[in-house]
Amino acid sequence: MSLLRVSRTHSSKQVRLLQKCVLSFIKIDLPKSYILDCGYLVRVNQKLMATFIVCPAREGRLLKQIPDCSGKKHFLALSQAGQDAIEINGLWISPKASKKTGLMNLLIWLTVISKILLQRESYLLISRNTHNKVIARYHSLLNPILIYEGEAMSVSNSVTHKSCTFMYAKKWQIILAPLRGWRLIIRRLVLVYKITFRNRTF
């Protein structure tokens, strides 16, 4: 039986591990100070399978990257200057999670969702490379509202994508996401069945 464990990034070694995974996926080197205590490492049988970051929006990076615009002003007013919002970042899932067992991939997603739902804040702040259609498809399940799309402001001289899309959504939209993306969910469940069945030993 696979043992799934979730740990926070409290040490420099854990921070570097998350930093390396995210860099390999989105080509952005997140600062160590940002990851410390806000990052999560998901291990299965002691092997790293996923990473993600959940932190208060007012202490994060995304708000700082959004230029002054009407969308940002509206979000700040809605979220009490970011105090009632969390930002989700640094999501990475190992390809091995799908290759080994589709069920494990599904459990990892449920782990990420559960951590988000346990936060007290009411809103989610999310962003992506504007040209990343795969992430856009998943973001659309949250029924998000656009804040800004275009060139992002540099934070601590870090590199970012040429065009970024920033959006927000109410946290409880995560619960409704499967209803909106039932076709996507069905395809995922079929994949889970096929991969799990293929890896069964008799």
N, C-alpha and C. Protein backbone atom coordinates (compact mmCIF):
# COMPACT_ATOMS: atom_id res chain seq x y z
N MET A 1 0.85 -1.21 0.00
CA MET A 1 0.00 0.00 0.00
C MET A 1 0.87 1.25 0.00
N SER A 2 0.59 2.20 -0.87
CA SER A 2 1.39 3.42 -0.98
C SER A 2 1.09 4.35 0.19
N LEU A 3 2.14 4.95 0.73
CA LEU A 3 1.99 5.86 1.86
C LEU A 3 2.22 7.28 1.38
N LEU A 4 1.17 8.13 1.44
CA LEU A 4 1.25 9.51 0.99
C LEU A 4 1.45 10.42 2.19
N ARG A 5 2.48 11.26 2.14
CA ARG A 5 2.76 12.19 3.22
C ARG A 5 2.92 13.60 2.68
N VAL A 6 2.40 14.57 3.43
CA VAL A 6 2.51 15.98 3.04
C VAL A 6 3.28 16.72 4.12
N SER A 7 4.32 17.46 3.73
CA SER A 7 5.12 18.20 4.70
C SER A 7 5.32 19.64 4.24
N ARG A 8 5.50 20.54 5.19
CA ARG A 8 5.75 21.95 4.88
C ARG A 8 7.24 22.16 4.62
N THR A 9 7.57 23.22 3.90
CA THR A 9 8.96 23.52 3.61
C THR A 9 9.54 24.39 4.72
N HIS A 10 10.03 23.73 5.76
CA HIS A 10 10.57 24.46 6.91
C HIS A 10 12.10 24.59 6.84
N SER A 11 12.76 23.74 6.09
CA SER A 11 14.23 23.76 6.04
C SER A 11 14.74 24.22 4.68
N SER A 12 16.00 24.62 4.64
CA SER A 12 16.62 25.07 3.39
C SER A 12 16.64 23.96 2.36
N LYS A 13 16.85 22.74 2.80
CA LYS A 13 16.88 21.60 1.89
C LYS A 13 15.52 21.39 1.23
N GLN A 14 14.45 21.51 2.01
CA GLN A 14 13.09 21.35 1.47
C GLN A 14 12.75 22.47 0.49
N VAL A 15 13.19 23.69 0.83
CA VAL A 15 12.95 24.84 -0.03
C VAL A 15 13.65 24.66 -1.38
N ARG A 16 14.90 24.23 -1.34
CA ARG A 16 15.67 24.02 -2.58
C ARG A 16 15.03 22.94 -3.45
N LEU A 17 14.47 21.93 -2.81
CA LEU A 17 13.83 20.84 -3.54
C LEU A 17 12.60 21.35 -4.29
N LEU A 18 11.76 22.11 -3.62
CA LEU A 18 10.57 22.68 -4.28
C LEU A 18 10.99 23.66 -5.37
N GLN A 19 11.98 24.47 -5.07
CA GLN A 19 12.49 25.46 -6.01
C GLN A 19 12.95 24.79 -7.32
N LYS A 20 13.66 23.69 -7.18
CA LYS A 20 14.19 22.96 -8.34
C LYS A 20 13.06 22.38 -9.19
N CYS A 21 12.04 21.82 -8.54
CA CYS A 21 10.91 21.21 -9.26
C CYS A 21 10.13 22.25 -10.06
N VAL A 22 9.86 23.39 -9.42
CA VAL A 22 9.09 24.44 -10.07
C VAL A 22 9.88 25.05 -11.24
N LEU A 23 11.18 25.23 -11.04
CA LEU A 23 12.03 25.78 -12.08
C LEU A 23 12.02 24.89 -13.33
N SER A 24 12.03 23.59 -13.11
CA SER A 24 12.05 22.65 -14.24
C SER A 24 10.72 22.66 -14.99
N PHE A 25 9.64 23.06 -14.32
CA PHE A 25 8.30 23.00 -14.92
C PHE A 25 7.88 24.31 -15.57
N ILE A 26 8.00 25.42 -14.84
CA ILE A 26 7.53 26.70 -15.39
C ILE A 26 8.67 27.66 -15.73
N LYS A 27 9.91 27.21 -15.53
CA LYS A 27 11.09 28.01 -15.90
C LYS A 27 11.20 29.32 -15.14
N ILE A 28 10.68 29.32 -13.91
CA ILE A 28 10.80 30.49 -13.05
C ILE A 28 11.42 30.07 -11.72
N ASP A 29 12.45 30.81 -11.31
CA ASP A 29 13.17 30.49 -10.08
C ASP A 29 12.55 31.28 -8.93
N LEU A 30 11.68 30.65 -8.16
CA LEU A 30 11.00 31.33 -7.06
C LEU A 30 11.97 31.59 -5.91
N PRO A 31 11.89 32.75 -5.28
CA PRO A 31 12.80 33.07 -4.16
C PRO A 31 12.60 32.14 -2.97
N LYS A 32 13.68 31.85 -2.29
CA LYS A 32 13.63 30.96 -1.13
C LYS A 32 12.75 31.54 -0.01
N SER A 33 12.82 32.87 0.17
CA SER A 33 12.04 33.50 1.23
C SER A 33 10.55 33.34 1.01
N TYR A 34 10.15 33.25 -0.26
CA TYR A 34 8.74 33.09 -0.62
C TYR A 34 8.27 31.66 -0.33
N ILE A 35 9.12 30.71 -0.58
CA ILE A 35 8.76 29.29 -0.43
C ILE A 35 8.75 28.86 1.04
N LEU A 36 9.66 29.43 1.83
CA LEU A 36 9.82 29.01 3.22
C LEU A 36 8.51 29.10 3.99
N ASP A 37 8.11 28.01 4.59
CA ASP A 37 6.92 27.88 5.43
C ASP A 37 5.58 27.96 4.67
N CYS A 38 5.63 28.26 3.37
CA CYS A 38 4.39 28.33 2.59
C CYS A 38 4.29 27.19 1.58
N GLY A 39 5.39 26.49 1.36
CA GLY A 39 5.41 25.42 0.38
C GLY A 39 5.02 24.08 0.98
N TYR A 40 4.57 23.18 0.11
CA TYR A 40 4.20 21.82 0.52
C TYR A 40 4.90 20.81 -0.39
N LEU A 41 5.39 19.75 0.21
CA LEU A 41 5.98 18.64 -0.53
C LEU A 41 5.12 17.42 -0.32
N VAL A 42 4.74 16.78 -1.41
CA VAL A 42 3.91 15.58 -1.33
C VAL A 42 4.78 14.38 -1.72
N ARG A 43 4.95 13.46 -0.79
CA ARG A 43 5.78 12.28 -1.04
C ARG A 43 4.92 11.02 -0.99
N VAL A 44 5.27 10.07 -1.84
CA VAL A 44 4.64 8.76 -1.85
C VAL A 44 5.74 7.73 -1.66
N ASN A 45 5.65 7.00 -0.58
CA ASN A 45 6.71 6.03 -0.24
C ASN A 45 8.08 6.72 -0.25
N GLN A 46 8.12 7.92 0.34
CA GLN A 46 9.33 8.73 0.52
C GLN A 46 9.87 9.32 -0.78
N LYS A 47 9.17 9.15 -1.90
CA LYS A 47 9.59 9.73 -3.17
C LYS A 47 8.75 10.97 -3.46
N LEU A 48 9.42 12.06 -3.82
CA LEU A 48 8.71 13.31 -4.09
C LEU A 48 7.84 13.19 -5.34
N MET A 49 6.55 13.46 -5.19
CA MET A 49 5.61 13.32 -6.30
C MET A 49 4.93 14.63 -6.69
N ALA A 50 4.93 15.62 -5.77
CA ALA A 50 4.26 16.88 -6.10
C ALA A 50 4.71 17.99 -5.15
N THR A 51 4.56 19.23 -5.62
CA THR A 51 4.82 20.40 -4.79
C THR A 51 3.73 21.44 -5.07
N PHE A 52 3.48 22.29 -4.11
CA PHE A 52 2.60 23.44 -4.33
C PHE A 52 2.80 24.45 -3.20
N ILE A 53 2.36 25.67 -3.45
CA ILE A 53 2.51 26.76 -2.48
C ILE A 53 1.14 27.38 -2.22
N VAL A 54 0.82 27.54 -0.95
CA VAL A 54 -0.40 28.23 -0.53
C VAL A 54 0.00 29.28 0.50
N CYS A 55 -0.25 30.53 0.18
CA CYS A 55 0.12 31.58 1.13
C CYS A 55 -0.87 32.74 1.06
N PRO A 56 -0.95 33.54 2.12
CA PRO A 56 -1.84 34.71 2.10
C PRO A 56 -1.46 35.63 0.94
N ALA A 57 -2.44 36.10 0.21
CA ALA A 57 -2.18 36.95 -0.97
C ALA A 57 -1.42 38.22 -0.60
N ARG A 58 -1.70 38.76 0.58
CA ARG A 58 -1.05 40.02 0.98
C ARG A 58 0.45 39.82 1.22
N GLU A 59 0.87 38.57 1.47
CA GLU A 59 2.28 38.28 1.73
C GLU A 59 2.96 37.62 0.52
N GLY A 60 2.20 37.37 -0.52
CA GLY A 60 2.72 36.62 -1.65
C GLY A 60 3.39 37.48 -2.72
N ARG A 61 3.44 36.94 -3.94
CA ARG A 61 4.12 37.60 -5.05
C ARG A 61 3.16 38.10 -6.13
N LEU A 62 2.03 37.45 -6.27
CA LEU A 62 1.16 37.72 -7.41
C LEU A 62 0.61 39.15 -7.42
N LEU A 63 0.15 39.63 -6.27
CA LEU A 63 -0.38 40.99 -6.21
C LEU A 63 0.68 42.02 -6.61
N LYS A 64 1.93 41.75 -6.22
CA LYS A 64 3.02 42.67 -6.53
C LYS A 64 3.34 42.69 -8.03
N GLN A 65 2.98 41.61 -8.72
CA GLN A 65 3.27 41.52 -10.14
C GLN A 65 2.20 42.17 -11.02
N ILE A 66 1.05 42.47 -10.42
CA ILE A 66 -0.06 43.05 -11.19
C ILE A 66 0.06 44.57 -11.20
N PRO A 67 0.18 45.19 -12.37
CA PRO A 67 0.23 46.67 -12.44
C PRO A 67 -1.09 47.27 -11.95
N ASP A 68 -1.04 48.53 -11.59
CA ASP A 68 -2.27 49.22 -11.18
C ASP A 68 -3.27 49.23 -12.33
N CYS A 69 -4.45 48.72 -12.07
CA CYS A 69 -5.50 48.68 -13.09
C CYS A 69 -6.83 48.55 -12.38
N SER A 70 -7.92 48.71 -13.10
CA SER A 70 -9.25 48.65 -12.49
C SER A 70 -9.53 47.26 -11.91
N GLY A 71 -9.03 46.22 -12.57
CA GLY A 71 -9.24 44.86 -12.08
C GLY A 71 -8.57 44.63 -10.74
N LYS A 72 -7.36 45.18 -10.58
CA LYS A 72 -6.64 45.04 -9.32
C LYS A 72 -7.33 45.82 -8.21
N LYS A 73 -7.79 47.01 -8.51
CA LYS A 73 -8.49 47.83 -7.51
C LYS A 73 -9.77 47.13 -7.04
N HIS A 74 -10.48 46.53 -7.98
CA HIS A 74 -11.71 45.81 -7.64
C HIS A 74 -11.40 44.62 -6.74
N PHE A 75 -10.35 43.86 -7.07
CA PHE A 75 -9.99 42.69 -6.27
C PHE A 75 -9.54 43.11 -4.87
N LEU A 76 -8.76 44.16 -4.77
CA LEU A 76 -8.29 44.63 -3.46
C LEU A 76 -9.45 45.07 -2.58
N ALA A 77 -10.43 45.73 -3.18
CA ALA A 77 -11.61 46.16 -2.42
C ALA A 77 -12.43 44.95 -1.98
N LEU A 78 -12.53 43.96 -2.86
CA LEU A 78 -13.32 42.76 -2.58
C LEU A 78 -12.68 41.89 -1.51
N SER A 79 -11.36 41.82 -1.54
CA SER A 79 -10.64 40.89 -0.65
C SER A 79 -10.01 41.58 0.56
N GLN A 80 -10.47 42.80 0.86
CA GLN A 80 -9.93 43.56 1.99
C GLN A 80 -8.42 43.73 1.87
N ALA A 81 -8.01 44.26 0.73
CA ALA A 81 -6.58 44.50 0.43
C ALA A 81 -5.78 43.21 0.44
N GLY A 82 -6.42 42.13 0.04
CA GLY A 82 -5.72 40.85 -0.05
C GLY A 82 -5.74 40.03 1.22
N GLN A 83 -6.32 40.57 2.30
CA GLN A 83 -6.34 39.85 3.58
C GLN A 83 -7.30 38.66 3.56
N ASP A 84 -8.28 38.70 2.67
CA ASP A 84 -9.26 37.61 2.60
C ASP A 84 -9.03 36.75 1.35
N ALA A 85 -7.76 36.62 0.96
CA ALA A 85 -7.44 35.82 -0.23
C ALA A 85 -6.13 35.07 -0.03
N ILE A 86 -6.04 33.93 -0.68
CA ILE A 86 -4.79 33.17 -0.70
C ILE A 86 -4.34 33.02 -2.15
N GLU A 87 -3.06 32.91 -2.35
CA GLU A 87 -2.57 32.67 -3.70
C GLU A 87 -2.03 31.24 -3.81
N ILE A 88 -2.27 30.65 -4.97
CA ILE A 88 -1.82 29.28 -5.24
C ILE A 88 -0.72 29.37 -6.29
N ASN A 89 0.41 28.74 -6.00
CA ASN A 89 1.55 28.84 -6.89
C ASN A 89 2.41 27.58 -6.75
N GLY A 90 3.42 27.49 -7.60
CA GLY A 90 4.41 26.42 -7.46
C GLY A 90 3.88 25.00 -7.62
N LEU A 91 2.78 24.84 -8.38
CA LEU A 91 2.22 23.49 -8.53
C LEU A 91 3.05 22.68 -9.52
N TRP A 92 3.53 21.55 -9.06
CA TRP A 92 4.29 20.61 -9.90
C TRP A 92 3.89 19.20 -9.50
N ILE A 93 3.57 18.38 -10.50
CA ILE A 93 3.25 16.97 -10.24
C ILE A 93 4.17 16.12 -11.11
N SER A 94 4.86 15.22 -10.49
CA SER A 94 5.81 14.37 -11.20
C SER A 94 5.12 13.52 -12.26
N PRO A 95 5.72 13.39 -13.44
CA PRO A 95 5.18 12.50 -14.47
C PRO A 95 5.05 11.07 -13.98
N LYS A 96 5.87 10.71 -13.00
CA LYS A 96 5.82 9.36 -12.45
C LYS A 96 4.51 9.08 -11.74
N ALA A 97 3.85 10.16 -11.27
CA ALA A 97 2.58 9.99 -10.56
C ALA A 97 1.53 9.40 -11.49
N SER A 98 1.58 9.78 -12.77
CA SER A 98 0.63 9.23 -13.75
C SER A 98 1.08 7.89 -14.29
N LYS A 99 2.38 7.77 -14.50
CA LYS A 99 2.91 6.54 -15.09
C LYS A 99 2.81 5.36 -14.12
N LYS A 100 3.01 5.68 -12.84
CA LYS A 100 2.99 4.60 -11.86
C LYS A 100 1.57 4.14 -11.57
N THR A 101 0.71 5.07 -11.25
CA THR A 101 -0.69 4.75 -10.98
C THR A 101 -1.56 5.99 -11.11
N GLY A 102 -2.58 5.91 -11.91
CA GLY A 102 -3.47 7.05 -12.10
C GLY A 102 -4.18 7.43 -10.81
N LEU A 103 -4.44 6.45 -9.96
CA LEU A 103 -5.10 6.70 -8.68
C LEU A 103 -4.25 7.62 -7.81
N MET A 104 -2.93 7.44 -7.85
CA MET A 104 -2.04 8.28 -7.06
C MET A 104 -2.11 9.73 -7.54
N ASN A 105 -2.20 9.92 -8.84
CA ASN A 105 -2.34 11.26 -9.40
C ASN A 105 -3.60 11.93 -8.88
N LEU A 106 -4.68 11.18 -8.83
CA LEU A 106 -5.95 11.70 -8.34
C LEU A 106 -5.87 12.05 -6.86
N LEU A 107 -5.19 11.22 -6.07
CA LEU A 107 -5.03 11.47 -4.64
C LEU A 107 -4.20 12.73 -4.38
N ILE A 108 -3.22 12.96 -5.23
CA ILE A 108 -2.40 14.17 -5.10
C ILE A 108 -3.26 15.42 -5.32
N TRP A 109 -4.10 15.38 -6.37
CA TRP A 109 -4.99 16.51 -6.63
C TRP A 109 -5.95 16.74 -5.46
N LEU A 110 -6.47 15.68 -4.89
CA LEU A 110 -7.37 15.81 -3.74
C LEU A 110 -6.64 16.39 -2.53
N THR A 111 -5.37 16.06 -2.40
CA THR A 111 -4.55 16.60 -1.30
C THR A 111 -4.39 18.11 -1.45
N VAL A 112 -4.10 18.56 -2.66
CA VAL A 112 -3.95 19.99 -2.93
C VAL A 112 -5.27 20.72 -2.64
N ILE A 113 -6.36 20.16 -3.13
CA ILE A 113 -7.68 20.78 -2.94
C ILE A 113 -8.05 20.87 -1.46
N SER A 114 -7.77 19.81 -0.72
CA SER A 114 -8.12 19.79 0.71
C SER A 114 -7.35 20.86 1.48
N LYS A 115 -6.07 21.06 1.14
CA LYS A 115 -5.28 22.09 1.80
C LYS A 115 -5.84 23.49 1.52
N ILE A 116 -6.31 23.69 0.30
CA ILE A 116 -6.90 24.98 -0.07
C ILE A 116 -8.20 25.22 0.70
N LEU A 117 -9.04 24.20 0.77
CA LEU A 117 -10.33 24.34 1.44
C LEU A 117 -10.19 24.57 2.94
N LEU A 118 -9.09 24.13 3.52
CA LEU A 118 -8.86 24.31 4.95
C LEU A 118 -8.42 25.73 5.32
N GLN A 119 -8.06 26.52 4.33
CA GLN A 119 -7.66 27.90 4.61
C GLN A 119 -8.89 28.74 4.95
N ARG A 120 -8.74 29.72 5.80
CA ARG A 120 -9.88 30.52 6.26
C ARG A 120 -10.32 31.58 5.24
N GLU A 121 -9.41 31.96 4.33
CA GLU A 121 -9.71 33.02 3.37
C GLU A 121 -10.80 32.60 2.38
N SER A 122 -11.46 33.58 1.80
CA SER A 122 -12.62 33.32 0.93
C SER A 122 -12.30 33.29 -0.56
N TYR A 123 -11.17 33.89 -0.95
CA TYR A 123 -10.86 34.01 -2.38
C TYR A 123 -9.52 33.35 -2.73
N LEU A 124 -9.43 32.92 -3.99
CA LEU A 124 -8.19 32.35 -4.53
C LEU A 124 -7.63 33.32 -5.57
N LEU A 125 -6.34 33.56 -5.50
CA LEU A 125 -5.65 34.37 -6.49
C LEU A 125 -4.74 33.43 -7.28
N ILE A 126 -4.92 33.39 -8.59
CA ILE A 126 -4.16 32.45 -9.42
C ILE A 126 -3.58 33.17 -10.62
N SER A 127 -2.54 32.58 -11.20
CA SER A 127 -1.93 33.16 -12.40
C SER A 127 -1.34 32.05 -13.24
N ARG A 128 -1.05 32.39 -14.49
CA ARG A 128 -0.44 31.43 -15.40
C ARG A 128 0.20 32.18 -16.57
N ASN A 129 1.05 31.46 -17.26
CA ASN A 129 1.55 31.94 -18.54
C ASN A 129 0.34 32.02 -19.47
N THR A 130 0.11 33.17 -20.06
CA THR A 130 -1.07 33.37 -20.91
C THR A 130 -1.19 32.31 -22.00
N HIS A 131 -0.07 31.82 -22.47
CA HIS A 131 -0.07 30.88 -23.59
C HIS A 131 -0.16 29.42 -23.16
N ASN A 132 -0.24 29.17 -21.87
CA ASN A 132 -0.34 27.79 -21.38
C ASN A 132 -1.81 27.36 -21.38
N LYS A 133 -2.23 26.67 -22.44
CA LYS A 133 -3.63 26.29 -22.61
C LYS A 133 -4.05 25.15 -21.69
N VAL A 134 -3.08 24.32 -21.28
CA VAL A 134 -3.41 23.20 -20.38
C VAL A 134 -3.84 23.75 -19.01
N ILE A 135 -3.02 24.66 -18.45
CA ILE A 135 -3.37 25.27 -17.16
C ILE A 135 -4.64 26.10 -17.30
N ALA A 136 -4.80 26.75 -18.44
CA ALA A 136 -6.01 27.56 -18.67
C ALA A 136 -7.26 26.71 -18.59
N ARG A 137 -7.18 25.49 -19.09
CA ARG A 137 -8.34 24.59 -19.07
C ARG A 137 -8.72 24.23 -17.63
N TYR A 138 -7.72 23.98 -16.79
CA TYR A 138 -8.00 23.66 -15.39
C TYR A 138 -8.49 24.90 -14.63
N HIS A 139 -7.89 26.05 -14.90
CA HIS A 139 -8.33 27.29 -14.25
C HIS A 139 -9.78 27.61 -14.58
N SER A 140 -10.19 27.30 -15.80
CA SER A 140 -11.56 27.63 -16.23
C SER A 140 -12.61 26.90 -15.39
N LEU A 141 -12.23 25.78 -14.79
CA LEU A 141 -13.18 25.02 -13.96
C LEU A 141 -13.55 25.77 -12.69
N LEU A 142 -12.73 26.77 -12.32
CA LEU A 142 -13.00 27.56 -11.12
C LEU A 142 -13.91 28.76 -11.40
N ASN A 143 -14.30 28.90 -12.67
CA ASN A 143 -15.12 30.05 -13.07
C ASN A 143 -14.48 31.36 -12.60
N PRO A 144 -13.21 31.57 -12.96
CA PRO A 144 -12.47 32.73 -12.44
C PRO A 144 -12.85 34.04 -13.12
N ILE A 145 -12.51 35.14 -12.46
CA ILE A 145 -12.74 36.48 -13.00
C ILE A 145 -11.38 37.11 -13.30
N LEU A 146 -11.24 37.64 -14.48
CA LEU A 146 -9.97 38.21 -14.91
C LEU A 146 -9.64 39.50 -14.15
N ILE A 147 -8.41 39.58 -13.69
CA ILE A 147 -7.91 40.81 -13.05
C ILE A 147 -7.05 41.59 -14.05
N TYR A 148 -6.12 40.87 -14.67
CA TYR A 148 -5.19 41.53 -15.59
C TYR A 148 -4.54 40.50 -16.49
N GLU A 149 -4.28 40.90 -17.73
CA GLU A 149 -3.54 40.04 -18.66
C GLU A 149 -2.56 40.90 -19.44
N GLY A 150 -1.30 40.50 -19.42
CA GLY A 150 -0.27 41.28 -20.11
C GLY A 150 1.07 41.10 -19.42
N GLU A 151 1.93 42.06 -19.61
CA GLU A 151 3.27 41.99 -19.02
C GLU A 151 3.19 42.21 -17.52
N ALA A 152 3.83 41.31 -16.76
CA ALA A 152 3.80 41.40 -15.30
C ALA A 152 4.96 42.24 -14.79
N MET A 153 4.77 42.85 -13.65
CA MET A 153 5.83 43.64 -13.03
C MET A 153 6.85 42.69 -12.40
N SER A 154 8.11 43.06 -12.46
CA SER A 154 9.17 42.24 -11.89
C SER A 154 9.17 42.35 -10.37
N VAL A 155 9.35 41.21 -9.71
CA VAL A 155 9.42 41.17 -8.25
C VAL A 155 10.80 40.63 -7.85
N SER A 156 11.56 41.44 -7.12
CA SER A 156 12.90 41.05 -6.67
C SER A 156 13.79 40.63 -7.83
N ASN A 157 13.64 41.33 -8.96
CA ASN A 157 14.45 41.08 -10.16
C ASN A 157 14.32 39.66 -10.70
N SER A 158 13.23 38.99 -10.37
CA SER A 158 13.03 37.62 -10.85
C SER A 158 12.45 37.63 -12.26
N VAL A 159 12.76 36.57 -13.00
CA VAL A 159 12.28 36.44 -14.37
C VAL A 159 10.83 35.96 -14.37
N THR A 160 10.01 36.49 -15.25
CA THR A 160 8.64 36.02 -15.37
C THR A 160 8.30 35.85 -16.84
N HIS A 161 7.12 35.34 -17.13
CA HIS A 161 6.72 35.14 -18.52
C HIS A 161 6.43 36.49 -19.18
N LYS A 162 6.53 36.54 -20.51
CA LYS A 162 6.29 37.79 -21.24
C LYS A 162 4.86 38.26 -21.08
N SER A 163 3.94 37.31 -21.04
CA SER A 163 2.53 37.66 -20.84
C SER A 163 1.92 36.74 -19.79
N CYS A 164 1.35 37.32 -18.76
CA CYS A 164 0.74 36.55 -17.67
C CYS A 164 -0.73 36.90 -17.53
N THR A 165 -1.48 35.92 -17.09
CA THR A 165 -2.91 36.12 -16.82
C THR A 165 -3.15 35.95 -15.33
N PHE A 166 -3.73 36.97 -14.70
CA PHE A 166 -4.03 36.94 -13.27
C PHE A 166 -5.55 36.93 -13.09
N MET A 167 -6.03 36.02 -12.25
CA MET A 167 -7.47 35.89 -12.02
C MET A 167 -7.75 35.59 -10.56
N TYR A 168 -9.00 35.73 -10.19
CA TYR A 168 -9.41 35.33 -8.85
C TYR A 168 -10.72 34.55 -8.94
N ALA A 169 -10.96 33.76 -7.91
CA ALA A 169 -12.20 32.97 -7.84
C ALA A 169 -12.57 32.79 -6.38
N LYS A 170 -13.83 32.56 -6.12
CA LYS A 170 -14.25 32.23 -4.76
C LYS A 170 -13.78 30.82 -4.44
N LYS A 171 -13.34 30.63 -3.21
CA LYS A 171 -12.72 29.35 -2.81
C LYS A 171 -13.66 28.17 -3.02
N TRP A 172 -14.93 28.36 -2.76
CA TRP A 172 -15.86 27.23 -2.84
C TRP A 172 -16.10 26.78 -4.27
N GLN A 173 -15.59 27.55 -5.24
CA GLN A 173 -15.72 27.13 -6.64
C GLN A 173 -14.98 25.82 -6.90
N ILE A 174 -14.02 25.51 -6.04
CA ILE A 174 -13.28 24.24 -6.18
C ILE A 174 -14.24 23.06 -6.05
N ILE A 175 -15.24 23.20 -5.19
CA ILE A 175 -16.21 22.12 -4.98
C ILE A 175 -17.08 21.92 -6.23
N LEU A 176 -17.36 23.04 -6.93
CA LEU A 176 -18.21 22.97 -8.13
C LEU A 176 -17.42 22.61 -9.39
N ALA A 177 -16.11 22.66 -9.30
CA ALA A 177 -15.28 22.41 -10.48
C ALA A 177 -15.58 21.09 -11.18
N PRO A 178 -15.75 19.98 -10.44
CA PRO A 178 -16.03 18.71 -11.12
C PRO A 178 -17.33 18.73 -11.93
N LEU A 179 -18.31 19.53 -11.48
CA LEU A 179 -19.57 19.61 -12.20
C LEU A 179 -19.38 20.33 -13.54
N ARG A 180 -18.52 21.36 -13.54
CA ARG A 180 -18.26 22.09 -14.77
C ARG A 180 -17.37 21.29 -15.72
N GLY A 181 -16.45 20.56 -15.16
CA GLY A 181 -15.51 19.84 -16.00
C GLY A 181 -15.76 18.36 -16.03
N TRP A 182 -17.03 17.96 -16.11
CA TRP A 182 -17.35 16.53 -16.01
C TRP A 182 -16.69 15.72 -17.13
N ARG A 183 -16.55 16.32 -18.31
CA ARG A 183 -15.89 15.59 -19.40
C ARG A 183 -14.41 15.37 -19.08
N LEU A 184 -13.79 16.43 -18.53
CA LEU A 184 -12.39 16.33 -18.15
C LEU A 184 -12.21 15.32 -17.02
N ILE A 185 -13.14 15.33 -16.07
CA ILE A 185 -13.08 14.41 -14.94
C ILE A 185 -13.28 12.97 -15.40
N ILE A 186 -14.23 12.76 -16.31
CA ILE A 186 -14.47 11.41 -16.82
C ILE A 186 -13.22 10.87 -17.53
N ARG A 187 -12.59 11.73 -18.35
CA ARG A 187 -11.36 11.31 -19.02
C ARG A 187 -10.29 10.94 -18.01
N ARG A 188 -10.21 11.73 -16.93
CA ARG A 188 -9.23 11.45 -15.88
C ARG A 188 -9.53 10.13 -15.19
N LEU A 189 -10.80 9.86 -14.88
CA LEU A 189 -11.17 8.61 -14.22
C LEU A 189 -10.92 7.40 -15.11
N VAL A 190 -11.19 7.56 -16.41
CA VAL A 190 -10.91 6.47 -17.35
C VAL A 190 -9.41 6.19 -17.37
N LEU A 191 -8.61 7.27 -17.35
CA LEU A 191 -7.16 7.11 -17.34
C LEU A 191 -6.72 6.41 -16.05
N VAL A 192 -7.33 6.83 -14.92
CA VAL A 192 -7.01 6.19 -13.64
C VAL A 192 -7.27 4.69 -13.70
N TYR A 193 -8.44 4.32 -14.25
CA TYR A 193 -8.81 2.91 -14.35
C TYR A 193 -7.81 2.13 -15.22
N LYS A 194 -7.50 2.70 -16.39
CA LYS A 194 -6.62 2.00 -17.32
C LYS A 194 -5.23 1.80 -16.74
N ILE A 195 -4.67 2.88 -16.14
CA ILE A 195 -3.32 2.80 -15.61
C ILE A 195 -3.26 1.89 -14.39
N THR A 196 -4.28 2.02 -13.50
CA THR A 196 -4.30 1.18 -12.30
C THR A 196 -4.46 -0.29 -12.65
N PHE A 197 -5.36 -0.58 -13.62
CA PHE A 197 -5.57 -1.96 -14.04
C PHE A 197 -4.31 -2.53 -14.69
N ARG A 198 -3.63 -1.72 -15.48
CA ARG A 198 -2.42 -2.16 -16.17
C ARG A 198 -1.31 -2.49 -15.20
N ASN A 199 -1.28 -1.78 -14.05
CA ASN A 199 -0.21 -1.99 -13.07
C ASN A 199 -0.56 -3.01 -11.99
N ARG A 200 -1.74 -3.62 -12.10
CA ARG A 200 -2.13 -4.64 -11.11
C ARG A 200 -1.29 -5.89 -11.31
N THR A 201 -0.99 -6.54 -10.23
CA THR A 201 -0.27 -7.82 -10.29
C THR A 201 -1.21 -8.90 -9.79
N PHE A 202 -1.28 -9.99 -10.49
CA PHE A 202 -2.20 -11.08 -10.13
C PHE A 202 -1.39 -12.27 -9.62
